[in-house]
């Protein structure tokens, strides 16, 4: 397995975990006075976890 694939997979998993933690603790995120909904983290958590799994699986073939 290429080192770049491992690094990107770990990065995507970390991003997914951070979004999951935001969901659990209901942290507020504001960007230029606009509050980002917590449900956006739910979608981001799922998408990044799926991308990490997809990348890992494709590289195992």
PDB file of N, CA and C in Angstrom:
ATOM      1  N   UNK A   1       0.845  -1.171   0.000  1.00  0.00           N
ATOM      2  CA  UNK A   1       0.000   0.000   0.000  1.00  0.00           C
ATOM      3  C   UNK A   1       0.895   1.241   0.000  1.00  0.00           C
ATOM      4  N   UNK A   2       0.521   2.219  -0.790  1.00  0.00           N
ATOM      5  CA  UNK A   2       1.310   3.439  -0.882  1.00  0.00           C
ATOM      6  C   UNK A   2       1.162   4.283   0.376  1.00  0.00           C
ATOM      7  N   UNK A   3       2.249   4.915   0.799  1.00  0.00           N
ATOM      8  CA  UNK A   3       2.177   5.755   2.001  1.00  0.00           C
ATOM      9  C   UNK A   3       1.177   6.904   1.867  1.00  0.00           C
ATOM     10  N   UNK A   4       1.035   7.443   0.672  1.00  0.00           N
ATOM     11  CA  UNK A   4       0.095   8.556   0.488  1.00  0.00           C
ATOM     12  C   UNK A   4      -1.345   8.108   0.741  1.00  0.00           C
ATOM     13  N   UNK A   5      -1.661   6.894   0.351  1.00  0.00           N
ATOM     14  CA  UNK A   5      -3.012   6.371   0.581  1.00  0.00           C
ATOM     15  C   UNK A   5      -3.267   6.198   2.073  1.00  0.00           C
ATOM     16  N   UNK A   6      -2.272   5.727   2.785  1.00  0.00           N
ATOM     17  CA  UNK A   6      -2.408   5.552   4.229  1.00  0.00           C
ATOM     18  C   UNK A   6      -2.621   6.904   4.907  1.00  0.00           C
ATOM     19  N   UNK A   7      -1.834   7.903   4.507  1.00  0.00           N
ATOM     20  CA  UNK A   7      -1.944   9.239   5.107  1.00  0.00           C
ATOM     21  C   UNK A   7      -3.318   9.837   4.842  1.00  0.00           C
ATOM     22  N   UNK A   8      -3.799   9.750   3.622  1.00  0.00           N
ATOM     23  CA  UNK A   8      -5.105  10.331   3.273  1.00  0.00           C
ATOM     24  C   UNK A   8      -6.227   9.587   3.988  1.00  0.00           C
ATOM     25  N   UNK A   9      -6.129   8.273   4.076  1.00  0.00           N
ATOM     26  CA  UNK A   9      -7.150   7.490   4.781  1.00  0.00           C
ATOM     27  C   UNK A   9      -7.205   7.870   6.259  1.00  0.00           C
ATOM     28  N   UNK A  10      -6.050   7.990   6.897  1.00  0.00           N
ATOM     29  CA  UNK A  10      -6.008   8.389   8.306  1.00  0.00           C
ATOM     30  C   UNK A  10      -6.567   9.797   8.480  1.00  0.00           C
ATOM     31  N   UNK A  11      -6.203  10.700   7.573  1.00  0.00           N
ATOM     32  CA  UNK A  11      -6.723  12.070   7.645  1.00  0.00           C
ATOM     33  C   UNK A  11      -8.249  12.083   7.538  1.00  0.00           C
ATOM     34  N   UNK A  12      -8.804  11.345   6.593  1.00  0.00           N
ATOM     35  CA  UNK A  12     -10.260  11.304   6.431  1.00  0.00           C
ATOM     36  C   UNK A  12     -10.935  10.711   7.670  1.00  0.00           C
ATOM     37  N   UNK A  13     -10.328   9.697   8.253  1.00  0.00           N
ATOM     38  CA  UNK A  13     -10.889   9.114   9.471  1.00  0.00           C
ATOM     39  C   UNK A  13     -10.840  10.099  10.633  1.00  0.00           C
ATOM     40  N   UNK A  14      -9.767  10.857  10.740  1.00  0.00           N
ATOM     41  CA  UNK A  14      -9.676  11.869  11.798  1.00  0.00           C
ATOM     42  C   UNK A  14     -10.735  12.957  11.624  1.00  0.00           C
ATOM     43  N   UNK A  15     -10.937  13.387  10.393  1.00  0.00           N
ATOM     44  CA  UNK A  15     -11.971  14.394  10.120  1.00  0.00           C
ATOM     45  C   UNK A  15     -13.345  13.836  10.496  1.00  0.00           C
ATOM     46  N   UNK A  16     -13.576  12.584  10.164  1.00  0.00           N
ATOM     47  CA  UNK A  16     -14.850  11.952  10.496  1.00  0.00           C
ATOM     48  C   UNK A  16     -15.054  11.886  12.008  1.00  0.00           C
ATOM     49  N   UNK A  17     -14.010  11.549  12.744  1.00  0.00           N
ATOM     50  CA  UNK A  17     -14.103  11.463  14.203  1.00  0.00           C
ATOM     51  C   UNK A  17     -14.359  12.838  14.814  1.00  0.00           C
ATOM     52  N   UNK A  18     -13.705  13.868  14.296  1.00  0.00           N
ATOM     53  CA  UNK A  18     -13.930  15.225  14.811  1.00  0.00           C
ATOM     54  C   UNK A  18     -15.382  15.651  14.585  1.00  0.00           C
ATOM     55  N   UNK A  19     -15.931  15.328  13.438  1.00  0.00           N
ATOM     56  CA  UNK A  19     -17.339  15.658  13.182  1.00  0.00           C
ATOM     57  C   UNK A  19     -18.255  14.866  14.127  1.00  0.00           C
ATOM     58  N   UNK A  20     -17.905  13.625  14.392  1.00  0.00           N
ATOM     59  CA  UNK A  20     -18.694  12.822  15.311  1.00  0.00           C
ATOM     60  C   UNK A  20     -18.643  13.407  16.729  1.00  0.00           C
ATOM     61  N   UNK A  21     -17.466  13.845  17.147  1.00  0.00           N
ATOM     62  CA  UNK A  21     -17.331  14.477  18.463  1.00  0.00           C
ATOM     63  C   UNK A  21     -18.154  15.758  18.524  1.00  0.00           C
ATOM     64  N   UNK A  22     -18.154  16.527  17.425  1.00  0.00           N
ATOM     65  CA  UNK A  22     -18.979  17.750  17.393  1.00  0.00           C
ATOM     66  C   UNK A  22     -20.457  17.400  17.550  1.00  0.00           C
ATOM     67  N   UNK A  23     -20.876  16.319  16.927  1.00  0.00           N
ATOM     68  CA  UNK A  23     -22.274  15.889  17.068  1.00  0.00           C
ATOM     69  C   UNK A  23     -22.590  15.497  18.512  1.00  0.00           C
ATOM     70  N   UNK A  24     -21.697  14.764  19.132  1.00  0.00           N
ATOM     71  CA  UNK A  24     -21.937  14.277  20.494  1.00  0.00           C
ATOM     72  C   UNK A  24     -21.995  15.438  21.485  1.00  0.00           C
ATOM     73  N   UNK A  25     -21.032  16.361  21.386  1.00  0.00           N
ATOM     74  CA  UNK A  25     -20.949  17.449  22.359  1.00  0.00           C
ATOM     75  C   UNK A  25     -21.700  18.715  21.939  1.00  0.00           C
ATOM     76  N   UNK A  26     -22.295  18.697  20.739  1.00  0.00           N
ATOM     77  CA  UNK A  26     -23.090  19.825  20.241  1.00  0.00           C
ATOM     78  C   UNK A  26     -22.300  21.132  20.229  1.00  0.00           C
ATOM     79  N   UNK A  27     -21.050  21.069  19.777  1.00  0.00           N
ATOM     80  CA  UNK A  27     -20.220  22.266  19.679  1.00  0.00           C
ATOM     81  C   UNK A  27     -20.760  23.200  18.615  1.00  0.00           C
ATOM     82  N   UNK A  28     -20.725  24.479  18.893  1.00  0.00           N
ATOM     83  CA  UNK A  28     -21.162  25.487  17.924  1.00  0.00           C
ATOM     84  C   UNK A  28     -19.955  25.919  17.089  1.00  0.00           C
ATOM     85  N   UNK A  29     -20.184  26.048  15.788  1.00  0.00           N
ATOM     86  CA  UNK A  29     -19.146  26.526  14.873  1.00  0.00           C
ATOM     87  C   UNK A  29     -19.722  27.714  14.132  1.00  0.00           C
ATOM     88  N   UNK A  30     -18.985  28.812  14.136  1.00  0.00           N
ATOM     89  CA  UNK A  30     -19.435  30.029  13.465  1.00  0.00           C
ATOM     90  C   UNK A  30     -18.393  30.442  12.431  1.00  0.00           C
ATOM     91  N   UNK A  31     -18.876  30.748  11.245  1.00  0.00           N
ATOM     92  CA  UNK A  31     -17.997  31.228  10.174  1.00  0.00           C
ATOM     93  C   UNK A  31     -18.514  32.586   9.721  1.00  0.00           C
ATOM     94  N   UNK A  32     -17.779  33.635  10.093  1.00  0.00           N
ATOM     95  CA  UNK A  32     -18.146  34.989   9.691  1.00  0.00           C
ATOM     96  C   UNK A  32     -19.581  35.331  10.094  1.00  0.00           C
ATOM     97  N   UNK A  33     -19.906  35.128  11.330  1.00  0.00           N
ATOM     98  CA  UNK A  33     -21.210  35.401  11.954  1.00  0.00           C
ATOM     99  C   UNK A  33     -22.330  34.454  11.510  1.00  0.00           C
ATOM    100  N   UNK A  34     -22.028  33.446  10.736  1.00  0.00           N
ATOM    101  CA  UNK A  34     -23.036  32.464  10.321  1.00  0.00           C
ATOM    102  C   UNK A  34     -22.763  31.171  11.074  1.00  0.00           C
ATOM    103  N   UNK A  35     -23.759  30.718  11.841  1.00  0.00           N
ATOM    104  CA  UNK A  35     -23.584  29.480  12.593  1.00  0.00           C
ATOM    105  C   UNK A  35     -23.845  28.276  11.690  1.00  0.00           C
ATOM    106  N   UNK A  36     -22.887  27.353  11.694  1.00  0.00           N
ATOM    107  CA  UNK A  36     -22.996  26.144  10.878  1.00  0.00           C
ATOM    108  C   UNK A  36     -23.843  25.132  11.656  1.00  0.00           C
ATOM    109  N   UNK A  37     -24.904  24.599  11.034  1.00  0.00           N
ATOM    110  CA  UNK A  37     -25.762  23.647  11.748  1.00  0.00           C
ATOM    111  C   UNK A  37     -25.006  22.376  12.135  1.00  0.00           C
ATOM    112  N   UNK A  38     -25.386  21.806  13.263  1.00  0.00           N
ATOM    113  CA  UNK A  38     -24.747  20.583  13.736  1.00  0.00           C
ATOM    114  C   UNK A  38     -25.037  19.425  12.784  1.00  0.00           C
ATOM    115  N   UNK A  39     -26.179  19.447  12.144  1.00  0.00           N
ATOM    116  CA  UNK A  39     -26.510  18.374  11.201  1.00  0.00           C
ATOM    117  C   UNK A  39     -25.571  18.348  10.000  1.00  0.00           C
ATOM    118  N   UNK A  40     -24.920  19.453   9.718  1.00  0.00           N
ATOM    119  CA  UNK A  40     -23.913  19.457   8.647  1.00  0.00           C
ATOM    120  C   UNK A  40     -22.760  18.538   9.026  1.00  0.00           C
ATOM    121  N   UNK A  41     -22.463  18.451  10.309  1.00  0.00           N
ATOM    122  CA  UNK A  41     -21.410  17.539  10.761  1.00  0.00           C
ATOM    123  C   UNK A  41     -21.839  16.080  10.620  1.00  0.00           C
ATOM    124  N   UNK A  42     -23.110  15.807  10.729  1.00  0.00           N
ATOM    125  CA  UNK A  42     -23.588  14.439  10.537  1.00  0.00           C
ATOM    126  C   UNK A  42     -23.312  13.994   9.100  1.00  0.00           C
ATOM    127  N   UNK A  43     -23.651  14.858   8.162  1.00  0.00           N
ATOM    128  CA  UNK A  43     -23.400  14.538   6.760  1.00  0.00           C
ATOM    129  C   UNK A  43     -21.903  14.431   6.487  1.00  0.00           C
ATOM    130  N   UNK A  44     -21.123  15.347   7.028  1.00  0.00           N
ATOM    131  CA  UNK A  44     -19.678  15.333   6.811  1.00  0.00           C
ATOM    132  C   UNK A  44     -19.044  14.095   7.445  1.00  0.00           C
ATOM    133  N   UNK A  45     -19.536  13.681   8.594  1.00  0.00           N
ATOM    134  CA  UNK A  45     -19.024  12.493   9.264  1.00  0.00           C
ATOM    135  C   UNK A  45     -19.245  11.251   8.394  1.00  0.00           C
ATOM    136  N   UNK A  46     -20.435  11.126   7.877  1.00  0.00           N
ATOM    137  CA  UNK A  46     -20.765   9.969   7.042  1.00  0.00           C
ATOM    138  C   UNK A  46     -19.958   9.988   5.744  1.00  0.00           C
ATOM    139  N   UNK A  47     -19.902  11.135   5.094  1.00  0.00           N
ATOM    140  CA  UNK A  47     -19.194  11.233   3.811  1.00  0.00           C
ATOM    141  C   UNK A  47     -17.708  10.944   3.970  1.00  0.00           C
ATOM    142  N   UNK A  48     -17.070  11.535   4.971  1.00  0.00           N
ATOM    143  CA  UNK A  48     -15.634  11.315   5.131  1.00  0.00           C
ATOM    144  C   UNK A  48     -15.320   9.874   5.544  1.00  0.00           C
ATOM    145  N   UNK A  49     -16.171   9.271   6.351  1.00  0.00           N
ATOM    146  CA  UNK A  49     -15.967   7.871   6.727  1.00  0.00           C
ATOM    147  C   UNK A  49     -16.129   6.960   5.506  1.00  0.00           C
ATOM    148  N   UNK A  50     -17.127   7.237   4.684  1.00  0.00           N
ATOM    149  CA  UNK A  50     -17.318   6.444   3.470  1.00  0.00           C
ATOM    150  C   UNK A  50     -16.153   6.609   2.492  1.00  0.00           C
ATOM    151  N   UNK A  51     -15.664   7.841   2.352  1.00  0.00           N
ATOM    152  CA  UNK A  51     -14.521   8.068   1.471  1.00  0.00           C
ATOM    153  C   UNK A  51     -13.277   7.336   1.970  1.00  0.00           C
ATOM    154  N   UNK A  52     -13.048   7.347   3.273  1.00  0.00           N
ATOM    155  CA  UNK A  52     -11.896   6.638   3.830  1.00  0.00           C
ATOM    156  C   UNK A  52     -12.021   5.134   3.585  1.00  0.00           C
ATOM    157  N   UNK A  53     -13.197   4.593   3.821  1.00  0.00           N
ATOM    158  CA  UNK A  53     -13.415   3.169   3.577  1.00  0.00           C
ATOM    159  C   UNK A  53     -13.272   2.797   2.116  1.00  0.00           C
ATOM    160  N   UNK A  54     -13.798   3.628   1.258  1.00  0.00           N
ATOM    161  CA  UNK A  54     -13.713   3.395  -0.184  1.00  0.00           C
ATOM    162  C   UNK A  54     -12.255   3.417  -0.648  1.00  0.00           C
ATOM    163  N   UNK A  55     -11.499   4.402  -0.193  1.00  0.00           N
ATOM    164  CA  UNK A  55     -10.093   4.509  -0.562  1.00  0.00           C
ATOM    165  C   UNK A  55      -9.308   3.304  -0.063  1.00  0.00           C
ATOM    166  N   UNK A  56      -9.551   2.909   1.176  1.00  0.00           N
ATOM    167  CA  UNK A  56      -8.856   1.754   1.755  1.00  0.00           C
ATOM    168  C   UNK A  56      -9.175   0.491   0.971  1.00  0.00           C
ATOM    169  N   UNK A  57     -10.450   0.305   0.657  1.00  0.00           N
ATOM    170  CA  UNK A  57     -10.891  -0.897  -0.061  1.00  0.00           C
ATOM    171  C   UNK A  57     -10.336  -0.950  -1.483  1.00  0.00           C
ATOM    172  N   UNK A  58     -10.362   0.188  -2.158  1.00  0.00           N
ATOM    173  CA  UNK A  58      -9.839   0.225  -3.525  1.00  0.00           C
ATOM    174  C   UNK A  58      -8.345  -0.048  -3.573  1.00  0.00           C
ATOM    175  N   UNK A  59      -7.641   0.368  -2.564  1.00  0.00           N
ATOM    176  CA  UNK A  59      -6.199   0.160  -2.552  1.00  0.00           C
ATOM    177  C   UNK A  59      -5.818  -1.268  -2.166  1.00  0.00           C
ATOM    178  N   UNK A  60      -6.718  -1.978  -1.497  1.00  0.00           N
ATOM    179  CA  UNK A  60      -6.445  -3.367  -1.103  1.00  0.00           C
ATOM    180  C   UNK A  60      -6.535  -4.328  -2.273  1.00  0.00           C
ATOM    181  N   UNK A  61      -7.197  -3.928  -3.356  1.00  0.00           N
ATOM    182  CA  UNK A  61      -7.379  -4.831  -4.520  1.00  0.00           C
ATOM    183  C   UNK A  61      -6.092  -5.079  -5.247  1.00  0.00           C
TER     184      UNK A  61
END
